[in-house]
Protein backbone atom coordinates (compact mmCIF):
# COMPACT_ATOMS: atom_id res chain seq x y z
CA MET A 1 -2.84 -7.18 -9.44
CA LYS A 2 -1.38 -3.52 -9.99
CA ILE A 3 -0.69 -1.55 -6.90
CA SER A 4 -1.78 2.04 -7.22
CA ASN A 5 0.09 5.67 -5.52
CA GLU A 6 -2.81 5.43 -3.42
CA GLN A 7 -2.14 1.92 -2.18
CA LEU A 8 1.45 2.34 -1.32
CA SER A 9 0.55 5.64 0.50
CA GLN A 10 -1.58 3.32 2.54
CA VAL A 11 0.95 0.72 3.00
CA LEU A 12 3.53 3.20 3.83
CA LYS A 13 1.35 4.92 6.32
CA THR A 14 0.66 1.53 7.94
CA TYR A 15 3.88 0.17 8.31
CA ASN A 16 5.07 3.61 9.74
CA GLN A 17 2.14 3.57 12.25
CA LYS A 18 2.75 -0.29 12.93
CA LYS A 19 6.69 0.42 13.55
CA ALA A 20 6.05 3.21 15.98
CA SER A 21 3.46 0.95 18.21
CA LYS A 22 5.76 -2.14 17.79
CA SER A 23 8.47 0.00 19.38
CA ASN A 24 6.56 0.79 22.31
CA SER A 25 5.18 -2.70 22.81
CA GLU A 26 8.52 -4.55 22.32
CA ALA A 27 9.77 -2.22 25.15
CA LYS A 28 6.90 -3.60 27.48
CA LYS A 29 7.37 -7.13 26.46
CA SER A 30 11.27 -7.15 27.24
CA LYS A 31 10.21 -6.75 30.97
CA ASN A 32 8.62 -9.96 30.97
CA LYS A 33 10.90 -13.17 31.72
CA GLY A 34 10.53 -16.62 30.39
CA ASP A 35 10.60 -18.30 27.18
CA LYS A 36 9.61 -15.93 24.04
CA LEU A 37 8.97 -16.60 20.51
CA PHE A 38 9.85 -13.65 18.17
CA ILE A 39 8.88 -13.32 14.48
CA SER A 40 11.27 -11.15 12.38
CA SER A 41 10.28 -7.68 12.30
CA ASP A 42 10.77 -8.11 8.27
CA ALA A 43 8.06 -10.63 8.43
CA LYS A 44 5.77 -8.67 10.62
CA GLU A 45 6.19 -5.94 7.97
CA MET A 46 5.18 -7.94 5.22
CA GLN A 47 2.00 -9.35 6.93
CA GLU A 48 1.20 -6.01 7.64
CA ALA A 49 1.49 -4.60 4.16
CA LYS A 50 -0.10 -7.76 2.93
CA LYS A 51 -3.05 -6.97 5.10
CA ALA A 52 -3.30 -3.46 4.02
CA LEU A 53 -3.38 -4.32 0.35
CA GLU A 54 -5.96 -7.06 0.78
CA SER A 55 -8.35 -4.57 2.56
CA GLN A 56 -8.34 -2.30 -0.60
CA PRO A 57 -10.82 -3.45 -3.35
CA GLU A 58 -9.15 -5.26 -6.66
CA VAL A 59 -11.58 -3.16 -8.80
CA ARG A 60 -13.10 0.34 -8.03
CA ARG A 61 -16.12 0.02 -9.86
CA GLU A 62 -17.15 3.90 -9.17
CA LYS A 63 -13.98 4.64 -10.91
CA VAL A 64 -14.30 2.24 -13.72
CA GLU A 65 -17.74 3.36 -14.56
CA ARG A 66 -16.71 7.38 -14.50
CA LEU A 67 -14.07 6.65 -16.71
CA LYS A 68 -16.17 4.48 -19.23
CA LYS A 69 -18.46 7.26 -19.08
CA GLN A 70 -16.00 9.85 -19.98
CA ILE A 71 -14.45 7.90 -22.61
CA LYS A 72 -18.13 7.28 -24.46
CA THR A 73 -18.95 11.04 -24.20
CA GLY A 74 -15.63 12.06 -25.52
CA ASN A 75 -14.49 13.94 -22.36
CA TYR A 76 -11.67 11.78 -21.33
CA ASN A 77 -8.46 13.81 -21.40
CA VAL A 78 -5.12 12.96 -20.12
CA SER A 79 -2.15 15.19 -19.87
CA GLY A 80 1.13 14.11 -21.15
CA GLU A 81 2.62 14.70 -17.54
CA GLU A 82 0.04 12.83 -15.97
CA VAL A 83 1.16 9.87 -18.28
CA ALA A 84 4.63 10.24 -17.50
CA ASP A 85 3.94 10.41 -14.04
CA LYS A 86 2.14 7.10 -13.94
CA MET A 87 4.55 5.25 -16.09
CA LEU A 88 7.35 6.46 -13.48
CA SER A 89 5.36 5.34 -10.68
CA ARG A 90 4.85 2.16 -12.21
CA THR A 91 8.68 1.55 -12.74
CA ILE A 92 9.17 2.55 -9.25
CA VAL A 93 6.81 0.01 -8.05
CA ASP A 94 7.81 -2.77 -10.12
CA ASN A 95 11.55 -2.15 -8.90
CA LEU A 96 10.60 -2.42 -5.33
CA VAL A 97 8.94 -6.03 -5.84
């Protein structure tokens, strides 16, 4: 499964939102006494990123159909700059993993 720029942006947005809310909830939890179980922040981040990615459809049918139509009618044009941007984005994402 490839990760698009939109998906990566959404994961980072979700990560930042959860990180901010986590700080608030951890401050509240620290007031309680007794036994506690903590899951590492890295594990929590991975779970949240996985949930965000799983909520995205694997294939965007509308986009696929639109592109097929453009290709069929000869109206599909991509600039070299767009190709270069996608190649760089893909390289960055691949290096994150």
